[in-house]
Amino acid sequence: MNHNITVSTFEENNLLFKNTTRALIEDDFLTYHTDNDTIRFNLKNFSFTKENNESILKITNSKCLLTLKDLKQTLEIPHDYINFEYDQNKTITFTYKLISNEYEIKIIINIGDEINEL
């Protein structure tokens, strides 16, 4: 099912950007696209994946992996914490702080109504 979503991304509680786009919610996965990335959340067994032409960042409750496509190498990045909350079909809140980042990142996704397309 396609839905309109509003994605707000914060760094240390400062809004970096906010945009409205479409997302596909299917089989416990929410997937949407930005200009450069494909973002995918597993809503049931939490995982976050951000993929673009250069890399794949995958975060689960237990680890964070960064795959560099050109080098065909995967690095594990230590994290301070990862928190994922999903309010059934309304809001996703994903907060994480990697050791390599100075500040925490928070992504809030507000899920709108289903879009009926022909």
PDB file of N, CA and C in Angstrom:
ATOM      1  N   MET A   1       0.837  -1.177   0.000  1.00  0.00           N
ATOM      2  CA  MET A   1       0.000   0.000   0.000  1.00  0.00           C
ATOM      3  C   MET A   1       0.885   1.244   0.000  1.00  0.00           C
ATOM      4  N   ASN A   2       0.577   2.171  -0.866  1.00  0.00           N
ATOM      5  CA  ASN A   2       1.298   3.443  -0.911  1.00  0.00           C
ATOM      6  C   ASN A   2       0.677   4.424   0.074  1.00  0.00           C
ATOM      7  N   HIS A   3       1.554   5.187   0.731  1.00  0.00           N
ATOM      8  CA  HIS A   3       1.125   6.187   1.703  1.00  0.00           C
ATOM      9  C   HIS A   3       1.939   7.453   1.486  1.00  0.00           C
ATOM     10  N   ASN A   4       1.332   8.595   1.769  1.00  0.00           N
ATOM     11  CA  ASN A   4       2.107   9.824   1.892  1.00  0.00           C
ATOM     12  C   ASN A   4       2.770   9.794   3.255  1.00  0.00           C
ATOM     13  N   ILE A   5       4.032  10.190   3.308  1.00  0.00           N
ATOM     14  CA  ILE A   5       4.728  10.265   4.589  1.00  0.00           C
ATOM     15  C   ILE A   5       5.447  11.610   4.685  1.00  0.00           C
ATOM     16  N   THR A   6       5.643  12.043   5.908  1.00  0.00           N
ATOM     17  CA  THR A   6       6.468  13.217   6.180  1.00  0.00           C
ATOM     18  C   THR A   6       7.662  12.745   6.989  1.00  0.00           C
ATOM     19  N   VAL A   7       8.851  13.020   6.477  1.00  0.00           N
ATOM     20  CA  VAL A   7      10.082  12.579   7.108  1.00  0.00           C
ATOM     21  C   VAL A   7      10.801  13.805   7.667  1.00  0.00           C
ATOM     22  N   SER A   8      11.069  13.786   8.975  1.00  0.00           N
ATOM     23  CA  SER A   8      11.822  14.857   9.627  1.00  0.00           C
ATOM     24  C   SER A   8      13.096  14.254  10.187  1.00  0.00           C
ATOM     25  N   THR A   9      14.225  14.863   9.852  1.00  0.00           N
ATOM     26  CA  THR A   9      15.516  14.365  10.326  1.00  0.00           C
ATOM     27  C   THR A   9      16.159  15.434  11.191  1.00  0.00           C
ATOM     28  N   PHE A  10      16.578  15.010  12.383  1.00  0.00           N
ATOM     29  CA  PHE A  10      17.171  15.909  13.361  1.00  0.00           C
ATOM     30  C   PHE A  10      18.583  15.455  13.707  1.00  0.00           C
ATOM     31  N   GLU A  11      19.437  16.420  13.994  1.00  0.00           N
ATOM     32  CA  GLU A  11      20.741  16.127  14.566  1.00  0.00           C
ATOM     33  C   GLU A  11      20.811  16.914  15.868  1.00  0.00           C
ATOM     34  N   GLU A  12      20.954  16.192  16.967  1.00  0.00           N
ATOM     35  CA  GLU A  12      20.982  16.821  18.302  1.00  0.00           C
ATOM     36  C   GLU A  12      19.814  17.798  18.470  1.00  0.00           C
ATOM     37  N   ASN A  13      18.605  17.333  18.128  1.00  0.00           N
ATOM     38  CA  ASN A  13      17.343  18.066  18.262  1.00  0.00           C
ATOM     39  C   ASN A  13      17.220  19.289  17.360  1.00  0.00           C
ATOM     40  N   ASN A  14      18.134  19.460  16.413  1.00  0.00           N
ATOM     41  CA  ASN A  14      18.026  20.532  15.430  1.00  0.00           C
ATOM     42  C   ASN A  14      17.527  19.928  14.116  1.00  0.00           C
ATOM     43  N   LEU A  15      16.453  20.502  13.588  1.00  0.00           N
ATOM     44  CA  LEU A  15      15.876  19.996  12.350  1.00  0.00           C
ATOM     45  C   LEU A  15      16.839  20.236  11.195  1.00  0.00           C
ATOM     46  N   LEU A  16      17.278  19.144  10.545  1.00  0.00           N
ATOM     47  CA  LEU A  16      18.149  19.252   9.378  1.00  0.00           C
ATOM     48  C   LEU A  16      17.335  19.423   8.114  1.00  0.00           C
ATOM     49  N   PHE A  17      16.303  18.607   7.976  1.00  0.00           N
ATOM     50  CA  PHE A  17      15.406  18.741   6.840  1.00  0.00           C
ATOM     51  C   PHE A  17      14.102  18.026   7.119  1.00  0.00           C
ATOM     52  N   LYS A  18      13.099  18.433   6.362  1.00  0.00           N
ATOM     53  CA  LYS A  18      11.768  17.845   6.470  1.00  0.00           C
ATOM     54  C   LYS A  18      11.197  17.794   5.058  1.00  0.00           C
ATOM     55  N   ASN A  19      10.691  16.636   4.665  1.00  0.00           N
ATOM     56  CA  ASN A  19      10.076  16.538   3.351  1.00  0.00           C
ATOM     57  C   ASN A  19       8.923  15.552   3.365  1.00  0.00           C
ATOM     58  N   THR A  20       8.059  15.732   2.386  1.00  0.00           N
ATOM     59  CA  THR A  20       6.923  14.836   2.203  1.00  0.00           C
ATOM     60  C   THR A  20       7.169  14.034   0.930  1.00  0.00           C
ATOM     61  N   THR A  21       6.927  12.737   1.018  1.00  0.00           N
ATOM     62  CA  THR A  21       7.151  11.852  -0.120  1.00  0.00           C
ATOM     63  C   THR A  21       6.168  10.694  -0.028  1.00  0.00           C
ATOM     64  N   ARG A  22       6.332   9.736  -0.894  1.00  0.00           N
ATOM     65  CA  ARG A  22       5.501   8.533  -0.860  1.00  0.00           C
ATOM     66  C   ARG A  22       6.325   7.361  -0.358  1.00  0.00           C
ATOM     67  N   ALA A  23       5.639   6.469   0.338  1.00  0.00           N
ATOM     68  CA  ALA A  23       6.284   5.255   0.841  1.00  0.00           C
ATOM     69  C   ALA A  23       5.403   4.063   0.513  1.00  0.00           C
ATOM     70  N   LEU A  24       6.043   2.947   0.327  1.00  0.00           N
ATOM     71  CA  LEU A  24       5.343   1.686   0.142  1.00  0.00           C
ATOM     72  C   LEU A  24       5.435   0.920   1.446  1.00  0.00           C
ATOM     73  N   ILE A  25       4.295   0.507   1.984  1.00  0.00           N
ATOM     74  CA  ILE A  25       4.269  -0.343   3.174  1.00  0.00           C
ATOM     75  C   ILE A  25       3.713  -1.682   2.735  1.00  0.00           C
ATOM     76  N   GLU A  26       4.567  -2.711   2.859  1.00  0.00           N
ATOM     77  CA  GLU A  26       4.196  -4.035   2.383  1.00  0.00           C
ATOM     78  C   GLU A  26       4.982  -5.077   3.160  1.00  0.00           C
ATOM     79  N   ASP A  27       4.297  -6.121   3.631  1.00  0.00           N
ATOM     80  CA  ASP A  27       4.932  -7.235   4.343  1.00  0.00           C
ATOM     81  C   ASP A  27       5.835  -6.763   5.478  1.00  0.00           C
ATOM     82  N   ASP A  28       5.353  -5.846   6.310  1.00  0.00           N
ATOM     83  CA  ASP A  28       6.073  -5.316   7.469  1.00  0.00           C
ATOM     84  C   ASP A  28       7.308  -4.498   7.100  1.00  0.00           C
ATOM     85  N   PHE A  29       7.387  -3.993   5.871  1.00  0.00           N
ATOM     86  CA  PHE A  29       8.483  -3.123   5.446  1.00  0.00           C
ATOM     87  C   PHE A  29       7.920  -1.798   4.959  1.00  0.00           C
ATOM     88  N   LEU A  30       8.594  -0.715   5.330  1.00  0.00           N
ATOM     89  CA  LEU A  30       8.293   0.605   4.804  1.00  0.00           C
ATOM     90  C   LEU A  30       9.496   1.013   3.965  1.00  0.00           C
ATOM     91  N   THR A  31       9.251   1.383   2.702  1.00  0.00           N
ATOM     92  CA  THR A  31      10.325   1.763   1.790  1.00  0.00           C
ATOM     93  C   THR A  31       9.986   3.092   1.139  1.00  0.00           C
ATOM     94  N   TYR A  32      10.984   3.997   1.110  1.00  0.00           N
ATOM     95  CA  TYR A  32      10.813   5.262   0.389  1.00  0.00           C
ATOM     96  C   TYR A  32      12.146   5.676  -0.222  1.00  0.00           C
ATOM     97  N   HIS A  33      12.066   6.652  -1.126  1.00  0.00           N
ATOM     98  CA  HIS A  33      13.247   7.100  -1.854  1.00  0.00           C
ATOM     99  C   HIS A  33      13.468   8.595  -1.632  1.00  0.00           C
ATOM    100  N   THR A  34      14.741   8.969  -1.539  1.00  0.00           N
ATOM    101  CA  THR A  34      15.126  10.378  -1.560  1.00  0.00           C
ATOM    102  C   THR A  34      15.816  10.622  -2.894  1.00  0.00           C
ATOM    103  N   ASP A  35      16.402  11.793  -3.072  1.00  0.00           N
ATOM    104  CA  ASP A  35      17.099  12.076  -4.328  1.00  0.00           C
ATOM    105  C   ASP A  35      18.208  11.065  -4.604  1.00  0.00           C
ATOM    106  N   ASN A  36      18.914  10.625  -3.556  1.00  0.00           N
ATOM    107  CA  ASN A  36      20.070   9.755  -3.743  1.00  0.00           C
ATOM    108  C   ASN A  36      19.963   8.389  -3.078  1.00  0.00           C
ATOM    109  N   ASP A  37      19.029   8.229  -2.170  1.00  0.00           N
ATOM    110  CA  ASP A  37      19.008   7.030  -1.336  1.00  0.00           C
ATOM    111  C   ASP A  37      17.675   6.291  -1.415  1.00  0.00           C
ATOM    112  N   THR A  38      17.755   4.992  -1.132  1.00  0.00           N
ATOM    113  CA  THR A  38      16.571   4.184  -0.876  1.00  0.00           C
ATOM    114  C   THR A  38      16.619   3.821   0.601  1.00  0.00           C
ATOM    115  N   ILE A  39      15.552   4.129   1.320  1.00  0.00           N
ATOM    116  CA  ILE A  39      15.468   3.890   2.758  1.00  0.00           C
ATOM    117  C   ILE A  39      14.442   2.791   2.983  1.00  0.00           C
ATOM    118  N   ARG A  40      14.803   1.840   3.866  1.00  0.00           N
ATOM    119  CA  ARG A  40      13.890   0.723   4.136  1.00  0.00           C
ATOM    120  C   ARG A  40      13.926   0.406   5.633  1.00  0.00           C
ATOM    121  N   PHE A  41      12.735   0.352   6.229  1.00  0.00           N
ATOM    122  CA  PHE A  41      12.575  -0.044   7.629  1.00  0.00           C
ATOM    123  C   PHE A  41      11.853  -1.381   7.684  1.00  0.00           C
ATOM    124  N   ASN A  42      12.370  -2.306   8.473  1.00  0.00           N
ATOM    125  CA  ASN A  42      11.625  -3.510   8.819  1.00  0.00           C
ATOM    126  C   ASN A  42      10.839  -3.132  10.069  1.00  0.00           C
ATOM    127  N   LEU A  43       9.530  -3.094   9.967  1.00  0.00           N
ATOM    128  CA  LEU A  43       8.685  -2.613  11.059  1.00  0.00           C
ATOM    129  C   LEU A  43       8.420  -3.665  12.123  1.00  0.00           C
ATOM    130  N   LYS A  44       8.592  -4.922  11.783  1.00  0.00           N
ATOM    131  CA  LYS A  44       8.316  -6.000  12.728  1.00  0.00           C
ATOM    132  C   LYS A  44       9.576  -6.386  13.512  1.00  0.00           C
ATOM    133  N   ASN A  45      10.617  -6.739  12.807  1.00  0.00           N
ATOM    134  CA  ASN A  45      11.900  -7.108  13.418  1.00  0.00           C
ATOM    135  C   ASN A  45      12.887  -6.024  13.038  1.00  0.00           C
ATOM    136  N   PHE A  46      12.920  -4.967  13.790  1.00  0.00           N
ATOM    137  CA  PHE A  46      13.564  -3.719  13.419  1.00  0.00           C
ATOM    138  C   PHE A  46      14.880  -3.881  12.659  1.00  0.00           C
ATOM    139  N   SER A  47      14.950  -3.185  11.546  1.00  0.00           N
ATOM    140  CA  SER A  47      16.211  -2.888  10.865  1.00  0.00           C
ATOM    141  C   SER A  47      15.987  -1.634  10.029  1.00  0.00           C
ATOM    142  N   PHE A  48      17.055  -0.919   9.793  1.00  0.00           N
ATOM    143  CA  PHE A  48      17.059   0.298   8.987  1.00  0.00           C
ATOM    144  C   PHE A  48      18.142   0.127   7.938  1.00  0.00           C
ATOM    145  N   THR A  49      17.793   0.338   6.675  1.00  0.00           N
ATOM    146  CA  THR A  49      18.766   0.228   5.601  1.00  0.00           C
ATOM    147  C   THR A  49      18.693   1.472   4.744  1.00  0.00           C
ATOM    148  N   LYS A  50      19.857   2.070   4.496  1.00  0.00           N
ATOM    149  CA  LYS A  50      19.975   3.238   3.634  1.00  0.00           C
ATOM    150  C   LYS A  50      20.977   2.880   2.547  1.00  0.00           C
ATOM    151  N   GLU A  51      20.499   2.836   1.302  1.00  0.00           N
ATOM    152  CA  GLU A  51      21.361   2.404   0.200  1.00  0.00           C
ATOM    153  C   GLU A  51      21.418   3.474  -0.883  1.00  0.00           C
ATOM    154  N   ASN A  52      22.635   3.668  -1.399  1.00  0.00           N
ATOM    155  CA  ASN A  52      22.825   4.554  -2.550  1.00  0.00           C
ATOM    156  C   ASN A  52      23.868   3.926  -3.473  1.00  0.00           C
ATOM    157  N   ASN A  53      24.350   4.653  -4.451  1.00  0.00           N
ATOM    158  CA  ASN A  53      25.294   4.084  -5.422  1.00  0.00           C
ATOM    159  C   ASN A  53      26.631   3.691  -4.806  1.00  0.00           C
ATOM    160  N   GLU A  54      27.022   4.357  -3.734  1.00  0.00           N
ATOM    161  CA  GLU A  54      28.331   4.118  -3.129  1.00  0.00           C
ATOM    162  C   GLU A  54      28.330   3.148  -1.961  1.00  0.00           C
ATOM    163  N   SER A  55      27.213   3.114  -1.194  1.00  0.00           N
ATOM    164  CA  SER A  55      27.272   2.361   0.056  1.00  0.00           C
ATOM    165  C   SER A  55      25.906   1.856   0.494  1.00  0.00           C
ATOM    166  N   ILE A  56      25.967   0.964   1.490  1.00  0.00           N
ATOM    167  CA  ILE A  56      24.767   0.465   2.167  1.00  0.00           C
ATOM    168  C   ILE A  56      25.029   0.577   3.666  1.00  0.00           C
ATOM    169  N   LEU A  57      24.167   1.298   4.352  1.00  0.00           N
ATOM    170  CA  LEU A  57      24.229   1.394   5.806  1.00  0.00           C
ATOM    171  C   LEU A  57      23.080   0.576   6.352  1.00  0.00           C
ATOM    172  N   LYS A  58      23.392  -0.419   7.186  1.00  0.00           N
ATOM    173  CA  LYS A  58      22.342  -1.252   7.781  1.00  0.00           C
ATOM    174  C   LYS A  58      22.509  -1.218   9.301  1.00  0.00           C
ATOM    175  N   ILE A  59      21.416  -0.831   9.969  1.00  0.00           N
ATOM    176  CA  ILE A  59      21.419  -0.741  11.429  1.00  0.00           C
ATOM    177  C   ILE A  59      20.341  -1.668  11.965  1.00  0.00           C
ATOM    178  N   THR A  60      20.720  -2.501  12.920  1.00  0.00           N
ATOM    179  CA  THR A  60      19.774  -3.349  13.641  1.00  0.00           C
ATOM    180  C   THR A  60      19.901  -3.014  15.123  1.00  0.00           C
ATOM    181  N   ASN A  61      19.130  -3.703  15.958  1.00  0.00           N
ATOM    182  CA  ASN A  61      19.228  -3.468  17.400  1.00  0.00           C
ATOM    183  C   ASN A  61      20.610  -3.776  17.948  1.00  0.00           C
ATOM    184  N   SER A  62      21.329  -4.671  17.301  1.00  0.00           N
ATOM    185  CA  SER A  62      22.607  -5.111  17.854  1.00  0.00           C
ATOM    186  C   SER A  62      23.845  -4.562  17.162  1.00  0.00           C
ATOM    187  N   LYS A  63      23.716  -4.100  15.904  1.00  0.00           N
ATOM    188  CA  LYS A  63      24.926  -3.631  15.227  1.00  0.00           C
ATOM    189  C   LYS A  63      24.618  -2.699  14.069  1.00  0.00           C
ATOM    190  N   CYS A  64      25.685  -2.066  13.604  1.00  0.00           N
ATOM    191  CA  CYS A  64      25.624  -1.163  12.472  1.00  0.00           C
ATOM    192  C   CYS A  64      26.712  -1.586  11.487  1.00  0.00           C
ATOM    193  N   LEU A  65      26.304  -1.827  10.230  1.00  0.00           N
ATOM    194  CA  LEU A  65      27.246  -2.248   9.200  1.00  0.00           C
ATOM    195  C   LEU A  65      27.223  -1.250   8.051  1.00  0.00           C
ATOM    196  N   LEU A  66      28.406  -0.898   7.578  1.00  0.00           N
ATOM    197  CA  LEU A  66      28.546  -0.020   6.429  1.00  0.00           C
ATOM    198  C   LEU A  66      29.285  -0.790   5.349  1.00  0.00           C
ATOM    199  N   THR A  67      28.630  -0.995   4.207  1.00  0.00           N
ATOM    200  CA  THR A  67      29.244  -1.688   3.081  1.00  0.00           C
ATOM    201  C   THR A  67      29.602  -0.663   2.024  1.00  0.00           C
ATOM    202  N   LEU A  68      30.878  -0.649   1.644  1.00  0.00           N
ATOM    203  CA  LEU A  68      31.359   0.215   0.576  1.00  0.00           C
ATOM    204  C   LEU A  68      31.356  -0.602  -0.700  1.00  0.00           C
ATOM    205  N   LYS A  69      30.497  -0.237  -1.628  1.00  0.00           N
ATOM    206  CA  LYS A  69      30.275  -1.060  -2.811  1.00  0.00           C
ATOM    207  C   LYS A  69      31.516  -1.174  -3.696  1.00  0.00           C
ATOM    208  N   ASP A  70      32.203  -0.071  -3.963  1.00  0.00           N
ATOM    209  CA  ASP A  70      33.382  -0.118  -4.839  1.00  0.00           C
ATOM    210  C   ASP A  70      34.484  -1.005  -4.278  1.00  0.00           C
ATOM    211  N   LEU A  71      34.664  -0.959  -2.977  1.00  0.00           N
ATOM    212  CA  LEU A  71      35.716  -1.750  -2.340  1.00  0.00           C
ATOM    213  C   LEU A  71      35.262  -3.159  -1.981  1.00  0.00           C
ATOM    214  N   LYS A  72      33.946  -3.372  -2.041  1.00  0.00           N
ATOM    215  CA  LYS A  72      33.362  -4.657  -1.657  1.00  0.00           C
ATOM    216  C   LYS A  72      33.812  -5.060  -0.250  1.00  0.00           C
ATOM    217  N   GLN A  73      33.723  -4.079   0.647  1.00  0.00           N
ATOM    218  CA  GLN A  73      34.098  -4.311   2.043  1.00  0.00           C
ATOM    219  C   GLN A  73      32.979  -3.839   2.954  1.00  0.00           C
ATOM    220  N   THR A  74      32.819  -4.563   4.053  1.00  0.00           N
ATOM    221  CA  THR A  74      31.835  -4.205   5.060  1.00  0.00           C
ATOM    222  C   THR A  74      32.555  -3.936   6.369  1.00  0.00           C
ATOM    223  N   LEU A  75      32.220  -2.809   6.975  1.00  0.00           N
ATOM    224  CA  LEU A  75      32.814  -2.404   8.242  1.00  0.00           C
ATOM    225  C   LEU A  75      31.726  -2.371   9.303  1.00  0.00           C
ATOM    226  N   GLU A  76      32.045  -2.838  10.484  1.00  0.00           N
ATOM    227  CA  GLU A  76      31.105  -2.700  11.593  1.00  0.00           C
ATOM    228  C   GLU A  76      31.436  -1.412  12.326  1.00  0.00           C
ATOM    229  N   ILE A  77      30.424  -0.579  12.524  1.00  0.00           N
ATOM    230  CA  ILE A  77      30.607   0.699  13.201  1.00  0.00           C
ATOM    231  C   ILE A  77      29.994   0.596  14.590  1.00  0.00           C
ATOM    232  N   PRO A  78      30.786   0.792  15.626  1.00  0.00           N
ATOM    233  CA  PRO A  78      30.232   0.736  16.983  1.00  0.00           C
ATOM    234  C   PRO A  78      29.218   1.865  17.208  1.00  0.00           C
ATOM    235  N   HIS A  79      28.245   1.599  18.051  1.00  0.00           N
ATOM    236  CA  HIS A  79      27.231   2.603  18.357  1.00  0.00           C
ATOM    237  C   HIS A  79      27.094   2.780  19.861  1.00  0.00           C
ATOM    238  N   ASP A  80      26.635   3.960  20.242  1.00  0.00           N
ATOM    239  CA  ASP A  80      26.328   4.230  21.650  1.00  0.00           C
ATOM    240  C   ASP A  80      24.946   3.690  21.991  1.00  0.00           C
ATOM    241  N   TYR A  81      23.974   3.965  21.116  1.00  0.00           N
ATOM    242  CA  TYR A  81      22.629   3.456  21.343  1.00  0.00           C
ATOM    243  C   TYR A  81      21.813   3.501  20.059  1.00  0.00           C
ATOM    244  N   ILE A  82      20.772   2.685  20.050  1.00  0.00           N
ATOM    245  CA  ILE A  82      19.821   2.617  18.955  1.00  0.00           C
ATOM    246  C   ILE A  82      18.440   2.464  19.586  1.00  0.00           C
ATOM    247  N   ASN A  83      17.491   3.291  19.163  1.00  0.00           N
ATOM    248  CA  ASN A  83      16.138   3.196  19.694  1.00  0.00           C
ATOM    249  C   ASN A  83      15.153   3.285  18.528  1.00  0.00           C
ATOM    250  N   PHE A  84      14.215   2.353  18.480  1.00  0.00           N
ATOM    251  CA  PHE A  84      13.219   2.307  17.418  1.00  0.00           C
ATOM    252  C   PHE A  84      11.839   2.150  18.038  1.00  0.00           C
ATOM    253  N   GLU A  85      10.919   3.028  17.648  1.00  0.00           N
ATOM    254  CA  GLU A  85       9.536   2.951  18.112  1.00  0.00           C
ATOM    255  C   GLU A  85       8.624   3.040  16.900  1.00  0.00           C
ATOM    256  N   TYR A  86       7.611   2.188  16.888  1.00  0.00           N
ATOM    257  CA  TYR A  86       6.644   2.184  15.784  1.00  0.00           C
ATOM    258  C   TYR A  86       5.252   2.165  16.376  1.00  0.00           C
ATOM    259  N   ASP A  87       4.528   3.274  16.183  1.00  0.00           N
ATOM    260  CA  ASP A  87       3.146   3.398  16.619  1.00  0.00           C
ATOM    261  C   ASP A  87       2.291   2.968  15.431  1.00  0.00           C
ATOM    262  N   GLN A  88       1.810   1.750  15.456  1.00  0.00           N
ATOM    263  CA  GLN A  88       1.116   1.078  14.357  1.00  0.00           C
ATOM    264  C   GLN A  88       0.464   2.017  13.345  1.00  0.00           C
ATOM    265  N   ASN A  89       1.059   2.102  12.184  1.00  0.00           N
ATOM    266  CA  ASN A  89       0.552   2.845  11.028  1.00  0.00           C
ATOM    267  C   ASN A  89       0.391   4.344  11.249  1.00  0.00           C
ATOM    268  N   LYS A  90       1.116   4.914  12.223  1.00  0.00           N
ATOM    269  CA  LYS A  90       1.015   6.354  12.445  1.00  0.00           C
ATOM    270  C   LYS A  90       2.379   7.034  12.450  1.00  0.00           C
ATOM    271  N   THR A  91       3.285   6.556  13.291  1.00  0.00           N
ATOM    272  CA  THR A  91       4.566   7.235  13.452  1.00  0.00           C
ATOM    273  C   THR A  91       5.690   6.236  13.698  1.00  0.00           C
ATOM    274  N   ILE A  92       6.820   6.508  13.055  1.00  0.00           N
ATOM    275  CA  ILE A  92       8.069   5.789  13.324  1.00  0.00           C
ATOM    276  C   ILE A  92       9.029   6.806  13.909  1.00  0.00           C
ATOM    277  N   THR A  93       9.673   6.451  15.010  1.00  0.00           N
ATOM    278  CA  THR A  93      10.725   7.279  15.585  1.00  0.00           C
ATOM    279  C   THR A  93      11.962   6.413  15.717  1.00  0.00           C
ATOM    280  N   PHE A  94      13.014   6.817  15.050  1.00  0.00           N
ATOM    281  CA  PHE A  94      14.268   6.060  15.033  1.00  0.00           C
ATOM    282  C   PHE A  94      15.388   7.000  15.463  1.00  0.00           C
ATOM    283  N   THR A  95      16.032   6.678  16.580  1.00  0.00           N
ATOM    284  CA  THR A  95      17.104   7.500  17.126  1.00  0.00           C
ATOM    285  C   THR A  95      18.343   6.637  17.281  1.00  0.00           C
ATOM    286  N   TYR A  96      19.476   7.185  16.876  1.00  0.00           N
ATOM    287  CA  TYR A  96      20.719   6.433  17.037  1.00  0.00           C
ATOM    288  C   TYR A  96      21.896   7.381  17.168  1.00  0.00           C
ATOM    289  N   LYS A  97      22.930   6.871  17.813  1.00  0.00           N
ATOM    290  CA  LYS A  97      24.195   7.600  17.895  1.00  0.00           C
ATOM    291  C   LYS A  97      25.307   6.598  17.665  1.00  0.00           C
ATOM    292  N   LEU A  98      26.013   6.833  16.585  1.00  0.00           N
ATOM    293  CA  LEU A  98      27.171   6.009  16.281  1.00  0.00           C
ATOM    294  C   LEU A  98      28.387   6.607  16.960  1.00  0.00           C
ATOM    295  N   ILE A  99      29.344   5.771  17.296  1.00  0.00           N
ATOM    296  CA  ILE A  99      30.577   6.247  17.922  1.00  0.00           C
ATOM    297  C   ILE A  99      31.259   7.283  17.024  1.00  0.00           C
ATOM    298  N   SER A 100      31.142   7.103  15.717  1.00  0.00           N
ATOM    299  CA  SER A 100      31.799   7.995  14.758  1.00  0.00           C
ATOM    300  C   SER A 100      31.096   9.350  14.602  1.00  0.00           C
ATOM    301  N   ASN A 101      29.884   9.480  15.127  1.00  0.00           N
ATOM    302  CA  ASN A 101      29.145  10.741  15.032  1.00  0.00           C
ATOM    303  C   ASN A 101      29.260  11.526  16.325  1.00  0.00           C
ATOM    304  N   GLU A 102      29.350  12.841  16.196  1.00  0.00           N
ATOM    305  CA  GLU A 102      29.410  13.676  17.383  1.00  0.00           C
ATOM    306  C   GLU A 102      28.037  13.796  18.052  1.00  0.00           C
ATOM    307  N   TYR A 103      26.972  13.795  17.227  1.00  0.00           N
ATOM    308  CA  TYR A 103      25.623  13.999  17.746  1.00  0.00           C
ATOM    309  C   TYR A 103      24.709  12.838  17.373  1.00  0.00           C
ATOM    310  N   GLU A 104      23.621  12.716  18.114  1.00  0.00           N
ATOM    311  CA  GLU A 104      22.625  11.706  17.779  1.00  0.00           C
ATOM    312  C   GLU A 104      21.816  12.153  16.566  1.00  0.00           C
ATOM    313  N   ILE A 105      21.298  11.174  15.851  1.00  0.00           N
ATOM    314  CA  ILE A 105      20.427  11.404  14.710  1.00  0.00           C
ATOM    315  C   ILE A 105      19.049  10.851  15.070  1.00  0.00           C
ATOM    316  N   LYS A 106      18.021  11.637  14.769  1.00  0.00           N
ATOM    317  CA  LYS A 106      16.647  11.182  14.999  1.00  0.00           C
ATOM    318  C   LYS A 106      15.865  11.366  13.708  1.00  0.00           C
ATOM    319  N   ILE A 107      15.172  10.318  13.313  1.00  0.00           N
ATOM    320  CA  ILE A 107      14.304  10.354  12.143  1.00  0.00           C
ATOM    321  C   ILE A 107      12.884  10.080  12.620  1.00  0.00           C
ATOM    322  N   ILE A 108      11.981  11.004  12.310  1.00  0.00           N
ATOM    323  CA  ILE A 108      10.574  10.824  12.656  1.00  0.00           C
ATOM    324  C   ILE A 108       9.792  10.766  11.348  1.00  0.00           C
ATOM    325  N   ILE A 109       9.043   9.684  11.176  1.00  0.00           N
ATOM    326  CA  ILE A 109       8.227   9.509   9.977  1.00  0.00           C
ATOM    327  C   ILE A 109       6.766   9.478  10.395  1.00  0.00           C
ATOM    328  N   ASN A 110       6.011  10.445   9.901  1.00  0.00           N
ATOM    329  CA  ASN A 110       4.566  10.462  10.121  1.00  0.00           C
ATOM    330  C   ASN A 110       3.916   9.853   8.894  1.00  0.00           C
ATOM    331  N   ILE A 111       3.152   8.796   9.114  1.00  0.00           N
ATOM    332  CA  ILE A 111       2.537   8.045   8.030  1.00  0.00           C
ATOM    333  C   ILE A 111       1.119   8.565   7.809  1.00  0.00           C
ATOM    334  N   GLY A 112       0.871   9.002   6.586  1.00  0.00           N
ATOM    335  CA  GLY A 112      -0.440   9.537   6.231  1.00  0.00           C
ATOM    336  C   GLY A 112      -1.349   8.434   5.719  1.00  0.00           C
ATOM    337  N   ASP A 113      -2.453   8.857   5.149  1.00  0.00           N
ATOM    338  CA  ASP A 113      -3.451   7.931   4.636  1.00  0.00           C
ATOM    339  C   ASP A 113      -2.924   7.167   3.435  1.00  0.00           C
ATOM    340  N   GLU A 114      -3.575   6.050   3.189  1.00  0.00           N
ATOM    341  CA  GLU A 114      -3.245   5.243   2.020  1.00  0.00           C
ATOM    342  C   GLU A 114      -3.628   6.002   0.758  1.00  0.00           C
ATOM    343  N   ILE A 115      -2.783   5.862  -0.257  1.00  0.00           N
ATOM    344  CA  ILE A 115      -3.036   6.497  -1.546  1.00  0.00           C
ATOM    345  C   ILE A 115      -3.630   5.452  -2.478  1.00  0.00           C
ATOM    346  N   ASN A 116      -4.797   5.741  -2.999  1.00  0.00           N
ATOM    347  CA  ASN A 116      -5.426   4.834  -3.952  1.00  0.00           C
ATOM    348  C   ASN A 116      -5.007   5.245  -5.354  1.00  0.00           C
ATOM    349  N   GLU A 117      -4.218   4.381  -5.991  1.00  0.00           N
ATOM    350  CA  GLU A 117      -3.755   4.682  -7.337  1.00  0.00           C
ATOM    351  C   GLU A 117      -4.367   3.688  -8.313  1.00  0.00           C
ATOM    352  N   LEU A 118      -4.600   4.155  -9.508  1.00  0.00           N
ATOM    353  CA  LEU A 118      -5.145   3.301 -10.553  1.00  0.00           C
ATOM    354  C   LEU A 118      -4.039   2.612 -11.297  1.00  0.00           C
TER     355      LEU A 118
END
